[in-house]
Amino acid sequence: MTSKQTPQAGESKDYTIVNKAVEAKDFTVNKAVEAKDFTVNKAVEAKDLTVNKAGEYKDFTVNKAGEAMDFTVNKAVEAKDFTVNKAGEAMDFTVNKAGEYKDFTVNKAVEAKDFTVNKAGEAKDLTVNKAVEAKDFTVNKAGEAKDFTVNKAGEAKDYTMNIGNAN
């Protein structure tokens, strides 16, 4: 048995293997603890960064909301002012047009009165002329009728006288 080992040599070999296994275990545990610590540190950093960024985003959002509110209020004031100005312009325009229409209506009423007076004058003159013509015609016809009556009366008298003389 040439390759027979002594019990002490086997123990030394086992001790070396155990020792190496313990070292490997210790190394692995140390590396696992380092990895855990590194992961915890990175998780804390990530959490802190997330909290900081969330705070920044919250502040940004609040600022933008304030700006939007200010913008909206300003635009509402501008719209109100614009509406008030346009309502004033519309009122002024309406008042001016009402004045123009009043003046126009008064002028047309005066024109209508003048036209009516002129036409009434023309109608009066025409009526007077027709009345004069009718009077002249009537006087003329009355004269003709008188002359006819006088002639007929003279003829009747002459006829009567001739009948009386013939008897």
N, C-alpha and C. Protein backbone atom coordinates (compact mmCIF):
# COMPACT_ATOMS: atom_id res chain seq x y z
N MET A 1 0.81 -1.15 0.00
CA MET A 1 0.00 0.00 0.00
C MET A 1 0.86 1.22 0.00
N THR A 2 1.20 1.39 -1.07
CA THR A 2 2.11 2.49 -1.26
C THR A 2 1.41 3.82 -1.21
N SER A 3 0.22 3.84 -1.63
CA SER A 3 -0.47 5.11 -1.67
C SER A 3 -1.36 5.29 -0.46
N LYS A 4 -1.08 4.61 0.56
CA LYS A 4 -1.89 4.71 1.77
C LYS A 4 -1.58 6.00 2.48
N GLN A 5 -2.60 6.63 2.93
CA GLN A 5 -2.42 7.91 3.60
C GLN A 5 -2.45 7.68 5.09
N THR A 6 -1.80 8.58 5.71
CA THR A 6 -1.80 8.52 7.14
C THR A 6 -3.00 9.29 7.63
N PRO A 7 -3.50 8.92 8.79
CA PRO A 7 -4.70 9.58 9.29
C PRO A 7 -4.43 11.06 9.49
N GLN A 8 -3.27 11.44 9.83
CA GLN A 8 -3.02 12.85 10.06
C GLN A 8 -3.02 13.61 8.75
N ALA A 9 -2.54 13.06 7.73
CA ALA A 9 -2.53 13.73 6.44
C ALA A 9 -3.95 13.91 5.93
N GLY A 10 -4.81 12.95 6.14
CA GLY A 10 -6.21 13.06 5.72
C GLY A 10 -6.92 14.14 6.49
N GLU A 11 -6.59 14.26 7.76
CA GLU A 11 -7.23 15.31 8.56
C GLU A 11 -6.77 16.66 8.07
N SER A 12 -5.54 16.79 7.73
CA SER A 12 -5.02 18.05 7.27
C SER A 12 -5.70 18.43 5.96
N LYS A 13 -5.92 17.46 5.12
CA LYS A 13 -6.58 17.71 3.86
C LYS A 13 -8.01 18.12 4.12
N ASP A 14 -8.71 17.43 5.01
CA ASP A 14 -10.09 17.78 5.34
C ASP A 14 -10.14 19.17 5.96
N TYR A 15 -9.14 19.45 6.82
CA TYR A 15 -9.09 20.77 7.45
C TYR A 15 -8.94 21.84 6.39
N THR A 16 -8.11 21.61 5.41
CA THR A 16 -7.89 22.56 4.34
C THR A 16 -9.17 22.75 3.55
N ILE A 17 -9.86 21.70 3.25
CA ILE A 17 -11.11 21.79 2.49
C ILE A 17 -12.15 22.55 3.32
N VAL A 18 -12.25 22.22 4.60
CA VAL A 18 -13.21 22.90 5.47
C VAL A 18 -12.81 24.35 5.58
N ASN A 19 -11.54 24.59 5.76
CA ASN A 19 -11.06 25.95 5.89
C ASN A 19 -11.38 26.73 4.62
N LYS A 20 -11.15 26.11 3.48
CA LYS A 20 -11.43 26.76 2.21
C LYS A 20 -12.93 26.97 2.07
N ALA A 21 -13.73 26.04 2.50
CA ALA A 21 -15.19 26.17 2.42
C ALA A 21 -15.66 27.29 3.32
N VAL A 22 -15.05 27.40 4.54
CA VAL A 22 -15.42 28.48 5.47
C VAL A 22 -15.02 29.80 4.86
N GLU A 23 -13.84 29.87 4.28
CA GLU A 23 -13.40 31.11 3.64
C GLU A 23 -14.34 31.47 2.50
N ALA A 24 -14.71 30.47 1.70
CA ALA A 24 -15.60 30.72 0.57
C ALA A 24 -16.95 31.18 1.09
N LYS A 25 -17.43 30.54 2.17
CA LYS A 25 -18.71 30.95 2.76
C LYS A 25 -18.61 32.36 3.29
N ASP A 26 -17.52 32.66 4.01
CA ASP A 26 -17.33 34.02 4.55
C ASP A 26 -17.24 35.04 3.42
N PHE A 27 -16.52 34.68 2.38
CA PHE A 27 -16.40 35.57 1.24
C PHE A 27 -17.77 35.80 0.60
N THR A 28 -18.52 34.74 0.42
CA THR A 28 -19.85 34.82 -0.18
C THR A 28 -20.78 35.63 0.70
N VAL A 29 -20.72 35.41 2.01
CA VAL A 29 -21.57 36.18 2.94
C VAL A 29 -21.19 37.65 2.87
N ASN A 30 -19.85 37.91 2.90
CA ASN A 30 -19.40 39.31 2.81
C ASN A 30 -19.88 39.95 1.51
N LYS A 31 -19.74 39.23 0.39
CA LYS A 31 -20.18 39.77 -0.89
C LYS A 31 -21.70 39.95 -0.90
N ALA A 32 -22.44 39.02 -0.28
CA ALA A 32 -23.90 39.14 -0.21
C ALA A 32 -24.28 40.34 0.63
N VAL A 33 -23.56 40.57 1.77
CA VAL A 33 -23.83 41.73 2.63
C VAL A 33 -23.50 43.00 1.86
N GLU A 34 -22.32 43.01 1.16
CA GLU A 34 -21.97 44.19 0.36
C GLU A 34 -23.04 44.45 -0.71
N ALA A 35 -23.50 43.41 -1.38
CA ALA A 35 -24.52 43.56 -2.43
C ALA A 35 -25.82 44.07 -1.83
N LYS A 36 -26.17 43.52 -0.65
CA LYS A 36 -27.39 43.97 0.04
C LYS A 36 -27.26 45.43 0.41
N ASP A 37 -26.12 45.80 1.02
CA ASP A 37 -25.90 47.19 1.41
C ASP A 37 -25.92 48.11 0.19
N PHE A 38 -25.26 47.67 -0.89
CA PHE A 38 -25.26 48.46 -2.12
C PHE A 38 -26.69 48.63 -2.63
N THR A 39 -27.46 47.55 -2.66
CA THR A 39 -28.84 47.59 -3.14
C THR A 39 -29.69 48.49 -2.26
N VAL A 40 -29.49 48.38 -0.93
CA VAL A 40 -30.25 49.23 0.00
C VAL A 40 -29.89 50.69 -0.24
N ASN A 41 -28.58 50.98 -0.36
CA ASN A 41 -28.15 52.36 -0.61
C ASN A 41 -28.74 52.89 -1.91
N LYS A 42 -28.69 52.07 -2.97
CA LYS A 42 -29.24 52.50 -4.26
C LYS A 42 -30.75 52.68 -4.16
N ALA A 43 -31.44 51.83 -3.42
CA ALA A 43 -32.89 51.96 -3.24
C ALA A 43 -33.21 53.24 -2.48
N VAL A 44 -32.41 53.55 -1.44
CA VAL A 44 -32.61 54.79 -0.67
C VAL A 44 -32.35 55.99 -1.57
N GLU A 45 -31.27 55.95 -2.35
CA GLU A 45 -30.97 57.05 -3.28
C GLU A 45 -32.11 57.23 -4.28
N ALA A 46 -32.60 56.10 -4.82
CA ALA A 46 -33.70 56.17 -5.79
C ALA A 46 -34.95 56.74 -5.15
N LYS A 47 -35.23 56.31 -3.90
CA LYS A 47 -36.40 56.84 -3.18
C LYS A 47 -36.24 58.33 -2.96
N ASP A 48 -35.04 58.75 -2.48
CA ASP A 48 -34.79 60.17 -2.23
C ASP A 48 -34.90 60.98 -3.52
N LEU A 49 -34.33 60.45 -4.62
CA LEU A 49 -34.42 61.14 -5.90
C LEU A 49 -35.89 61.24 -6.34
N THR A 50 -36.64 60.17 -6.17
CA THR A 50 -38.06 60.17 -6.55
C THR A 50 -38.84 61.18 -5.72
N VAL A 51 -38.57 61.22 -4.41
CA VAL A 51 -39.25 62.18 -3.54
C VAL A 51 -38.89 63.61 -3.96
N ASN A 52 -37.59 63.85 -4.22
CA ASN A 52 -37.16 65.19 -4.64
C ASN A 52 -37.82 65.58 -5.96
N LYS A 53 -37.80 64.65 -6.93
CA LYS A 53 -38.41 64.94 -8.23
C LYS A 53 -39.91 65.14 -8.08
N ALA A 54 -40.55 64.35 -7.24
CA ALA A 54 -41.98 64.53 -7.01
C ALA A 54 -42.26 65.91 -6.43
N GLY A 55 -41.41 66.35 -5.51
CA GLY A 55 -41.56 67.69 -4.94
C GLY A 55 -41.36 68.76 -6.01
N GLU A 56 -40.32 68.56 -6.86
CA GLU A 56 -40.11 69.52 -7.95
C GLU A 56 -41.32 69.55 -8.88
N TYR A 57 -41.83 68.37 -9.25
CA TYR A 57 -42.98 68.31 -10.16
C TYR A 57 -44.22 68.92 -9.52
N LYS A 58 -44.35 68.68 -8.21
CA LYS A 58 -45.49 69.29 -7.49
C LYS A 58 -45.37 70.80 -7.55
N ASP A 59 -44.18 71.33 -7.25
CA ASP A 59 -43.96 72.79 -7.29
C ASP A 59 -44.19 73.32 -8.70
N PHE A 60 -43.68 72.61 -9.70
CA PHE A 60 -43.86 73.02 -11.10
C PHE A 60 -45.35 73.05 -11.45
N THR A 61 -46.05 71.99 -11.04
CA THR A 61 -47.49 71.90 -11.33
C THR A 61 -48.25 73.02 -10.63
N VAL A 62 -47.91 73.29 -9.38
CA VAL A 62 -48.58 74.38 -8.64
C VAL A 62 -48.30 75.71 -9.32
N ASN A 63 -47.05 75.93 -9.73
CA ASN A 63 -46.70 77.19 -10.42
C ASN A 63 -47.47 77.31 -11.73
N LYS A 64 -47.50 76.23 -12.51
CA LYS A 64 -48.21 76.27 -13.79
C LYS A 64 -49.71 76.45 -13.57
N ALA A 65 -50.26 75.84 -12.54
CA ALA A 65 -51.68 76.02 -12.24
C ALA A 65 -51.95 77.48 -11.86
N GLY A 66 -51.04 78.06 -11.09
CA GLY A 66 -51.18 79.48 -10.73
C GLY A 66 -51.09 80.37 -11.96
N GLU A 67 -50.13 80.06 -12.85
CA GLU A 67 -50.01 80.84 -14.08
C GLU A 67 -51.26 80.69 -14.94
N ALA A 68 -51.78 79.46 -15.03
CA ALA A 68 -52.99 79.23 -15.82
C ALA A 68 -54.17 79.99 -15.22
N MET A 69 -54.26 79.99 -13.91
CA MET A 69 -55.36 80.71 -13.25
C MET A 69 -55.21 82.21 -13.51
N ASP A 70 -54.00 82.74 -13.37
CA ASP A 70 -53.77 84.17 -13.64
C ASP A 70 -54.10 84.50 -15.08
N PHE A 71 -53.68 83.65 -16.01
CA PHE A 71 -53.96 83.86 -17.43
C PHE A 71 -55.47 83.85 -17.67
N THR A 72 -56.15 82.88 -17.06
CA THR A 72 -57.60 82.77 -17.24
C THR A 72 -58.31 83.99 -16.67
N VAL A 73 -57.89 84.43 -15.50
CA VAL A 73 -58.50 85.63 -14.88
C VAL A 73 -58.26 86.84 -15.77
N ASN A 74 -57.02 87.00 -16.26
CA ASN A 74 -56.72 88.13 -17.13
C ASN A 74 -57.57 88.09 -18.40
N LYS A 75 -57.70 86.90 -19.00
CA LYS A 75 -58.50 86.78 -20.22
C LYS A 75 -59.97 87.05 -19.91
N ALA A 76 -60.44 86.63 -18.76
CA ALA A 76 -61.83 86.90 -18.38
C ALA A 76 -62.05 88.40 -18.21
N VAL A 77 -61.08 89.08 -17.59
CA VAL A 77 -61.18 90.54 -17.43
C VAL A 77 -61.15 91.21 -18.80
N GLU A 78 -60.23 90.76 -19.67
CA GLU A 78 -60.18 91.32 -21.02
C GLU A 78 -61.50 91.09 -21.75
N ALA A 79 -62.06 89.89 -21.64
CA ALA A 79 -63.34 89.59 -22.30
C ALA A 79 -64.45 90.46 -21.74
N LYS A 80 -64.45 90.66 -20.42
CA LYS A 80 -65.47 91.52 -19.80
C LYS A 80 -65.33 92.94 -20.31
N ASP A 81 -64.08 93.45 -20.32
CA ASP A 81 -63.84 94.81 -20.80
C ASP A 81 -64.25 94.96 -22.26
N PHE A 82 -63.90 93.95 -23.06
CA PHE A 82 -64.27 93.97 -24.48
C PHE A 82 -65.78 94.00 -24.63
N THR A 83 -66.46 93.16 -23.85
CA THR A 83 -67.92 93.09 -23.92
C THR A 83 -68.55 94.40 -23.49
N VAL A 84 -68.01 94.99 -22.42
CA VAL A 84 -68.54 96.28 -21.94
C VAL A 84 -68.33 97.35 -23.02
N ASN A 85 -67.14 97.37 -23.62
CA ASN A 85 -66.87 98.35 -24.68
C ASN A 85 -67.80 98.16 -25.86
N LYS A 86 -67.98 96.90 -26.28
CA LYS A 86 -68.85 96.63 -27.42
C LYS A 86 -70.30 96.97 -27.09
N ALA A 87 -70.71 96.70 -25.86
CA ALA A 87 -72.08 97.06 -25.46
C ALA A 87 -72.25 98.57 -25.48
N GLY A 88 -71.23 99.30 -25.02
CA GLY A 88 -71.28 100.77 -25.07
C GLY A 88 -71.33 101.26 -26.50
N GLU A 89 -70.50 100.66 -27.37
CA GLU A 89 -70.52 101.05 -28.78
C GLU A 89 -71.88 100.76 -29.39
N ALA A 90 -72.43 99.59 -29.08
CA ALA A 90 -73.75 99.23 -29.62
C ALA A 90 -74.82 100.20 -29.12
N MET A 91 -74.73 100.57 -27.85
CA MET A 91 -75.71 101.52 -27.31
C MET A 91 -75.56 102.87 -28.00
N ASP A 92 -74.31 103.36 -28.15
CA ASP A 92 -74.08 104.63 -28.83
C ASP A 92 -74.58 104.56 -30.27
N PHE A 93 -74.31 103.47 -30.94
CA PHE A 93 -74.76 103.30 -32.32
C PHE A 93 -76.28 103.32 -32.37
N THR A 94 -76.91 102.61 -31.44
CA THR A 94 -78.38 102.55 -31.41
C THR A 94 -78.97 103.93 -31.13
N VAL A 95 -78.37 104.65 -30.19
CA VAL A 95 -78.86 106.00 -29.87
C VAL A 95 -78.69 106.91 -31.09
N ASN A 96 -77.52 106.84 -31.75
CA ASN A 96 -77.29 107.66 -32.94
C ASN A 96 -78.28 107.31 -34.04
N LYS A 97 -78.49 106.02 -34.27
CA LYS A 97 -79.43 105.60 -35.31
C LYS A 97 -80.84 106.02 -34.94
N ALA A 98 -81.20 105.91 -33.68
CA ALA A 98 -82.53 106.35 -33.25
C ALA A 98 -82.69 107.83 -33.52
N GLY A 99 -81.64 108.63 -33.24
CA GLY A 99 -81.68 110.06 -33.52
C GLY A 99 -81.81 110.31 -35.02
N GLU A 100 -81.03 109.56 -35.81
CA GLU A 100 -81.12 109.71 -37.26
C GLU A 100 -82.52 109.35 -37.75
N TYR A 101 -83.06 108.24 -37.25
CA TYR A 101 -84.40 107.82 -37.69
C TYR A 101 -85.46 108.81 -37.23
N LYS A 102 -85.26 109.39 -36.03
CA LYS A 102 -86.21 110.41 -35.56
C LYS A 102 -86.17 111.59 -36.50
N ASP A 103 -84.94 112.07 -36.81
CA ASP A 103 -84.79 113.20 -37.73
C ASP A 103 -85.37 112.86 -39.11
N PHE A 104 -85.08 111.67 -39.57
CA PHE A 104 -85.60 111.23 -40.87
C PHE A 104 -87.12 111.21 -40.85
N THR A 105 -87.69 110.69 -39.78
CA THR A 105 -89.15 110.61 -39.66
C THR A 105 -89.76 112.00 -39.59
N VAL A 106 -89.13 112.89 -38.84
CA VAL A 106 -89.63 114.27 -38.75
C VAL A 106 -89.57 114.92 -40.14
N ASN A 107 -88.44 114.74 -40.84
CA ASN A 107 -88.33 115.31 -42.18
C ASN A 107 -89.39 114.75 -43.12
N LYS A 108 -89.62 113.46 -43.06
CA LYS A 108 -90.63 112.85 -43.93
C LYS A 108 -92.03 113.31 -43.53
N ALA A 109 -92.26 113.51 -42.24
CA ALA A 109 -93.56 114.02 -41.80
C ALA A 109 -93.77 115.44 -42.32
N VAL A 110 -92.71 116.26 -42.25
CA VAL A 110 -92.80 117.64 -42.76
C VAL A 110 -93.02 117.60 -44.27
N GLU A 111 -92.27 116.74 -44.97
CA GLU A 111 -92.47 116.61 -46.42
C GLU A 111 -93.89 116.17 -46.73
N ALA A 112 -94.41 115.21 -45.96
CA ALA A 112 -95.78 114.72 -46.18
C ALA A 112 -96.79 115.83 -45.93
N LYS A 113 -96.57 116.61 -44.85
CA LYS A 113 -97.48 117.73 -44.56
C LYS A 113 -97.43 118.74 -45.69
N ASP A 114 -96.20 119.11 -46.14
CA ASP A 114 -96.07 120.07 -47.23
C ASP A 114 -96.72 119.55 -48.50
N PHE A 115 -96.50 118.26 -48.78
CA PHE A 115 -97.11 117.65 -49.97
C PHE A 115 -98.63 117.71 -49.86
N THR A 116 -99.15 117.38 -48.67
CA THR A 116 -100.59 117.39 -48.47
C THR A 116 -101.14 118.81 -48.61
N VAL A 117 -100.45 119.79 -48.03
CA VAL A 117 -100.88 121.19 -48.14
C VAL A 117 -100.87 121.61 -49.61
N ASN A 118 -99.79 121.28 -50.33
CA ASN A 118 -99.72 121.64 -51.76
C ASN A 118 -100.85 120.97 -52.55
N LYS A 119 -101.06 119.68 -52.30
CA LYS A 119 -102.11 118.97 -53.02
C LYS A 119 -103.48 119.52 -52.63
N ALA A 120 -103.66 119.88 -51.36
CA ALA A 120 -104.93 120.48 -50.94
C ALA A 120 -105.13 121.82 -51.63
N GLY A 121 -104.05 122.61 -51.74
CA GLY A 121 -104.12 123.89 -52.45
C GLY A 121 -104.46 123.68 -53.92
N GLU A 122 -103.77 122.68 -54.53
CA GLU A 122 -104.06 122.37 -55.93
C GLU A 122 -105.51 121.91 -56.08
N ALA A 123 -105.97 121.07 -55.16
CA ALA A 123 -107.35 120.58 -55.22
C ALA A 123 -108.33 121.73 -55.03
N LYS A 124 -108.01 122.64 -54.10
CA LYS A 124 -108.88 123.82 -53.89
C LYS A 124 -108.94 124.65 -55.17
N ASP A 125 -107.74 124.92 -55.75
CA ASP A 125 -107.71 125.71 -56.99
C ASP A 125 -108.47 125.01 -58.10
N LEU A 126 -108.30 123.70 -58.22
CA LEU A 126 -109.02 122.95 -59.24
C LEU A 126 -110.52 123.01 -58.98
N THR A 127 -110.90 122.87 -57.72
CA THR A 127 -112.33 122.93 -57.36
C THR A 127 -112.91 124.31 -57.67
N VAL A 128 -112.15 125.35 -57.33
CA VAL A 128 -112.61 126.72 -57.61
C VAL A 128 -112.76 126.90 -59.12
N ASN A 129 -111.74 126.47 -59.88
CA ASN A 129 -111.80 126.60 -61.33
C ASN A 129 -113.00 125.84 -61.90
N LYS A 130 -113.21 124.62 -61.42
CA LYS A 130 -114.34 123.82 -61.91
C LYS A 130 -115.66 124.48 -61.48
N ALA A 131 -115.71 125.07 -60.27
CA ALA A 131 -116.92 125.76 -59.81
C ALA A 131 -117.19 126.97 -60.69
N VAL A 132 -116.12 127.73 -61.01
CA VAL A 132 -116.28 128.90 -61.89
C VAL A 132 -116.74 128.45 -63.26
N GLU A 133 -116.09 127.38 -63.79
CA GLU A 133 -116.50 126.85 -65.09
C GLU A 133 -117.96 126.41 -65.04
N ALA A 134 -118.37 125.73 -63.94
CA ALA A 134 -119.75 125.26 -63.81
C ALA A 134 -120.69 126.45 -63.71
N LYS A 135 -120.28 127.48 -62.95
CA LYS A 135 -121.12 128.68 -62.84
C LYS A 135 -121.26 129.34 -64.20
N ASP A 136 -120.11 129.52 -64.90
CA ASP A 136 -120.15 130.15 -66.21
C ASP A 136 -121.00 129.32 -67.17
N PHE A 137 -120.86 128.01 -67.12
CA PHE A 137 -121.66 127.13 -67.98
C PHE A 137 -123.13 127.28 -67.63
N THR A 138 -123.43 127.30 -66.32
CA THR A 138 -124.82 127.42 -65.88
C THR A 138 -125.40 128.78 -66.29
N VAL A 139 -124.63 129.85 -66.10
CA VAL A 139 -125.09 131.19 -66.49
C VAL A 139 -125.31 131.22 -67.99
N ASN A 140 -124.39 130.63 -68.74
CA ASN A 140 -124.51 130.60 -70.20
C ASN A 140 -125.77 129.83 -70.60
N LYS A 141 -125.96 128.65 -69.99
CA LYS A 141 -127.12 127.82 -70.32
C LYS A 141 -128.41 128.51 -69.86
N ALA A 142 -128.33 129.21 -68.71
CA ALA A 142 -129.51 129.94 -68.24
C ALA A 142 -129.85 131.07 -69.22
N GLY A 143 -128.79 131.75 -69.73
CA GLY A 143 -129.01 132.80 -70.72
C GLY A 143 -129.62 132.24 -71.99
N GLU A 144 -129.07 131.08 -72.43
CA GLU A 144 -129.63 130.44 -73.62
C GLU A 144 -131.08 130.03 -73.38
N ALA A 145 -131.36 129.49 -72.18
CA ALA A 145 -132.72 129.06 -71.86
C ALA A 145 -133.64 130.27 -71.80
N LYS A 146 -133.15 131.37 -71.23
CA LYS A 146 -133.96 132.60 -71.18
C LYS A 146 -134.25 133.09 -72.59
N ASP A 147 -133.19 133.13 -73.42
CA ASP A 147 -133.38 133.58 -74.79
C ASP A 147 -134.36 132.65 -75.52
N PHE A 148 -134.25 131.35 -75.31
CA PHE A 148 -135.15 130.39 -75.95
C PHE A 148 -136.58 130.62 -75.46
N THR A 149 -136.70 130.82 -74.14
CA THR A 149 -138.02 131.05 -73.56
C THR A 149 -138.62 132.35 -74.09
N VAL A 150 -137.78 133.37 -74.16
CA VAL A 150 -138.26 134.66 -74.68
C VAL A 150 -138.68 134.49 -76.13
N ASN A 151 -137.90 133.81 -76.94
CA ASN A 151 -138.26 133.58 -78.34
C ASN A 151 -139.56 132.80 -78.43
N LYS A 152 -139.69 131.76 -77.64
CA LYS A 152 -140.89 130.93 -77.69
C LYS A 152 -142.09 131.75 -77.18
N ALA A 153 -141.88 132.57 -76.18
CA ALA A 153 -142.98 133.40 -75.68
C ALA A 153 -143.38 134.39 -76.77
N GLY A 154 -142.39 134.97 -77.47
CA GLY A 154 -142.70 135.90 -78.56
C GLY A 154 -143.42 135.19 -79.67
N GLU A 155 -143.01 133.99 -79.99
CA GLU A 155 -143.69 133.22 -81.03
C GLU A 155 -145.11 132.89 -80.58
N ALA A 156 -145.25 132.51 -79.32
CA ALA A 156 -146.58 132.17 -78.82
C ALA A 156 -147.46 133.41 -78.84
N LYS A 157 -146.90 134.53 -78.47
CA LYS A 157 -147.67 135.79 -78.49
C LYS A 157 -148.04 136.11 -79.93
N ASP A 158 -147.07 136.00 -80.83
CA ASP A 158 -147.36 136.29 -82.24
C ASP A 158 -148.39 135.31 -82.77
N TYR A 159 -148.32 134.09 -82.43
CA TYR A 159 -149.28 133.08 -82.89
C TYR A 159 -150.66 133.39 -82.33
N THR A 160 -150.69 133.75 -81.04
CA THR A 160 -151.96 134.06 -80.42
C THR A 160 -152.55 135.30 -81.08
N MET A 161 -151.71 136.20 -81.35
CA MET A 161 -152.20 137.43 -81.97
C MET A 161 -152.68 137.13 -83.40
N ASN A 162 -152.08 136.30 -84.06
CA ASN A 162 -152.48 135.94 -85.40
C ASN A 162 -153.77 135.16 -85.35
N ILE A 163 -154.00 134.37 -84.42
CA ILE A 163 -155.21 133.61 -84.32
C ILE A 163 -156.36 134.63 -83.99
N GLY A 164 -156.10 135.55 -83.14
CA GLY A 164 -157.12 136.54 -82.77
C GLY A 164 -157.44 137.44 -83.93
N ASN A 165 -156.58 137.75 -84.77
CA ASN A 165 -156.79 138.60 -85.92
C ASN A 165 -157.46 137.80 -87.03
N ALA A 166 -157.33 136.65 -87.06
CA ALA A 166 -157.91 135.85 -88.09
C ALA A 166 -159.39 135.63 -87.78
N ASN A 167 -159.81 135.84 -86.69
CA ASN A 167 -161.19 135.65 -86.38
C ASN A 167 -161.89 136.90 -86.62
